[in-house]
Amino acid sequence: MSAFPSSVQMKRRRNYDPYQIVLAYKEVMESGMSIYKAARVFGFPESTLRDRHLGIQPVDQLPSHGPKPIFPRDEENLLVNHLSYMSNIEYGY
């Protein structure tokens, strides 16, 4: 037997949209839809929604992929505005 699991044995993780969890949680809390039904309707594992409902995992915790941003949001907006302005006056760097 191989020391590494084959691709069939490896678990697929987080192959659903994490924002759907928040929507499903709101549906359960506001309309009283069952956790089982909400998980099926929104397309992710029931245990994922149940963990949020029981407080084991925070509801609004969304995965962060990739590196952290280099610029804060306001500096990034300033840079975008500057580059857009320079593009509009047809100035190339």
C-alpha atoms as a PDB file:
ATOM      1  CA  MET A   1       0.000   0.000   0.000  1.00  0.00           C
ATOM      2  CA  SER A   2       1.260   3.469  -0.902  1.00  0.00           C
ATOM      3  CA  ALA A   3       2.254   5.993   1.749  1.00  0.00           C
ATOM      4  CA  PHE A   4       0.309   8.680  -0.119  1.00  0.00           C
ATOM      5  CA  PRO A   5      -3.448   8.482  -0.644  1.00  0.00           C
ATOM      6  CA  SER A   6      -4.643   8.202  -4.203  1.00  0.00           C
ATOM      7  CA  SER A   7      -6.768  10.944  -5.701  1.00  0.00           C
ATOM      8  CA  VAL A   8      -9.849   8.784  -5.100  1.00  0.00           C
ATOM      9  CA  GLN A   9      -9.065   8.482  -1.386  1.00  0.00           C
ATOM     10  CA  MET A  10      -8.369  12.182  -0.859  1.00  0.00           C
ATOM     11  CA  LYS A  11     -11.227  14.209   0.571  1.00  0.00           C
ATOM     12  CA  ARG A  12     -12.602  17.076  -1.426  1.00  0.00           C
ATOM     13  CA  ARG A  13     -12.873  20.065   0.822  1.00  0.00           C
ATOM     14  CA  ARG A  14     -14.790  23.299   0.522  1.00  0.00           C
ATOM     15  CA  ASN A  15     -16.114  22.728  -2.953  1.00  0.00           C
ATOM     16  CA  TYR A  16     -19.079  25.005  -2.196  1.00  0.00           C
ATOM     17  CA  ASP A  17     -19.528  28.745  -2.039  1.00  0.00           C
ATOM     18  CA  PRO A  18     -18.910  29.903   1.558  1.00  0.00           C
ATOM     19  CA  TYR A  19     -21.302  32.820   1.114  1.00  0.00           C
ATOM     20  CA  GLN A  20     -24.090  30.274   0.708  1.00  0.00           C
ATOM     21  CA  ILE A  21     -23.533  29.266   4.343  1.00  0.00           C
ATOM     22  CA  VAL A  22     -24.434  32.748   5.527  1.00  0.00           C
ATOM     23  CA  LEU A  23     -27.544  32.799   3.334  1.00  0.00           C
ATOM     24  CA  ALA A  24     -28.615  29.359   4.517  1.00  0.00           C
ATOM     25  CA  TYR A  25     -28.056  30.296   8.166  1.00  0.00           C
ATOM     26  CA  LYS A  26     -30.233  33.395   7.741  1.00  0.00           C
ATOM     27  CA  GLU A  27     -32.921  31.272   6.094  1.00  0.00           C
ATOM     28  CA  VAL A  28     -32.887  28.834   9.021  1.00  0.00           C
ATOM     29  CA  MET A  29     -33.037  31.603  11.604  1.00  0.00           C
ATOM     30  CA  GLU A  30     -35.608  33.838   9.885  1.00  0.00           C
ATOM     31  CA  SER A  31     -38.049  31.445   8.232  1.00  0.00           C
ATOM     32  CA  GLY A  32     -37.558  28.373  10.404  1.00  0.00           C
ATOM     33  CA  MET A  33     -36.386  26.141   7.551  1.00  0.00           C
ATOM     34  CA  SER A  34     -34.771  22.959   8.833  1.00  0.00           C
ATOM     35  CA  ILE A  35     -30.994  22.715   8.817  1.00  0.00           C
ATOM     36  CA  TYR A  36     -31.180  19.583   6.681  1.00  0.00           C
ATOM     37  CA  LYS A  37     -33.349  21.222   4.035  1.00  0.00           C
ATOM     38  CA  ALA A  38     -31.344  24.477   3.981  1.00  0.00           C
ATOM     39  CA  ALA A  39     -28.098  22.576   3.495  1.00  0.00           C
ATOM     40  CA  ARG A  40     -29.596  20.634   0.576  1.00  0.00           C
ATOM     41  CA  VAL A  41     -31.153  23.737  -1.014  1.00  0.00           C
ATOM     42  CA  PHE A  42     -27.948  25.785  -0.761  1.00  0.00           C
ATOM     43  CA  GLY A  43     -25.697  22.876  -1.719  1.00  0.00           C
ATOM     44  CA  PHE A  44     -23.270  22.059   1.061  1.00  0.00           C
ATOM     45  CA  PRO A  45     -22.924  19.470   3.854  1.00  0.00           C
ATOM     46  CA  GLU A  46     -25.513  19.486   6.621  1.00  0.00           C
ATOM     47  CA  SER A  47     -22.782  19.231   9.267  1.00  0.00           C
ATOM     48  CA  THR A  48     -21.299  22.513   8.047  1.00  0.00           C
ATOM     49  CA  LEU A  49     -24.537  24.392   8.696  1.00  0.00           C
ATOM     50  CA  ARG A  50     -25.229  22.497  11.916  1.00  0.00           C
ATOM     51  CA  ASP A  51     -21.803  23.508  13.300  1.00  0.00           C
ATOM     52  CA  ARG A  52     -22.687  27.157  12.647  1.00  0.00           C
ATOM     53  CA  HIS A  53     -26.106  26.759  14.225  1.00  0.00           C
ATOM     54  CA  LEU A  54     -24.677  25.129  17.372  1.00  0.00           C
ATOM     55  CA  GLY A  55     -21.968  27.778  17.683  1.00  0.00           C
ATOM     56  CA  ILE A  56     -19.056  25.405  17.078  1.00  0.00           C
ATOM     57  CA  GLN A  57     -17.933  27.498  14.092  1.00  0.00           C
ATOM     58  CA  PRO A  58     -18.648  31.217  13.580  1.00  0.00           C
ATOM     59  CA  VAL A  59     -21.257  31.935  10.929  1.00  0.00           C
ATOM     60  CA  ASP A  60     -19.482  34.839   9.283  1.00  0.00           C
ATOM     61  CA  GLN A  61     -16.074  33.196   9.109  1.00  0.00           C
ATOM     62  CA  LEU A  62     -15.278  33.116   5.419  1.00  0.00           C
ATOM     63  CA  PRO A  63     -12.148  31.513   4.091  1.00  0.00           C
ATOM     64  CA  SER A  64      -9.336  33.806   3.089  1.00  0.00           C
ATOM     65  CA  HIS A  65      -7.421  32.604   0.093  1.00  0.00           C
ATOM     66  CA  GLY A  66      -4.228  34.082  -1.221  1.00  0.00           C
ATOM     67  CA  PRO A  67      -1.827  36.557   0.288  1.00  0.00           C
ATOM     68  CA  LYS A  68      -2.828  39.516   2.427  1.00  0.00           C
ATOM     69  CA  PRO A  69      -3.319  42.814   0.541  1.00  0.00           C
ATOM     70  CA  ILE A  70      -0.269  45.038   0.179  1.00  0.00           C
ATOM     71  CA  PHE A  71      -2.157  48.333   0.372  1.00  0.00           C
ATOM     72  CA  PRO A  72      -4.970  49.311   2.733  1.00  0.00           C
ATOM     73  CA  ARG A  73      -8.314  49.809   0.962  1.00  0.00           C
ATOM     74  CA  ASP A  74      -8.115  53.645   0.951  1.00  0.00           C
ATOM     75  CA  GLU A  75      -4.593  53.677  -0.511  1.00  0.00           C
ATOM     76  CA  GLU A  76      -5.630  51.161  -3.134  1.00  0.00           C
ATOM     77  CA  ASN A  77      -8.544  53.407  -4.135  1.00  0.00           C
ATOM     78  CA  LEU A  78      -6.181  56.384  -4.430  1.00  0.00           C
ATOM     79  CA  LEU A  79      -3.874  54.369  -6.681  1.00  0.00           C
ATOM     80  CA  VAL A  80      -6.771  53.190  -8.849  1.00  0.00           C
ATOM     81  CA  ASN A  81      -8.071  56.741  -9.208  1.00  0.00           C
ATOM     82  CA  HIS A  82      -4.605  58.036 -10.115  1.00  0.00           C
ATOM     83  CA  LEU A  83      -4.024  55.320 -12.713  1.00  0.00           C
ATOM     84  CA  SER A  84      -7.494  55.874 -14.187  1.00  0.00           C
ATOM     85  CA  TYR A  85      -6.825  59.609 -14.441  1.00  0.00           C
ATOM     86  CA  MET A  86      -3.443  59.042 -16.085  1.00  0.00           C
ATOM     87  CA  SER A  87      -5.063  56.628 -18.528  1.00  0.00           C
ATOM     88  CA  ASN A  88      -7.787  59.136 -19.389  1.00  0.00           C
ATOM     89  CA  ILE A  89      -5.237  61.811 -20.289  1.00  0.00           C
ATOM     90  CA  GLU A  90      -3.361  59.161 -22.298  1.00  0.00           C
ATOM     91  CA  TYR A  91      -0.199  59.346 -20.204  1.00  0.00           C
ATOM     92  CA  GLY A  92       1.788  56.119 -20.113  1.00  0.00           C
ATOM     93  CA  TYR A  93       4.282  55.220 -17.448  1.00  0.00           C
END
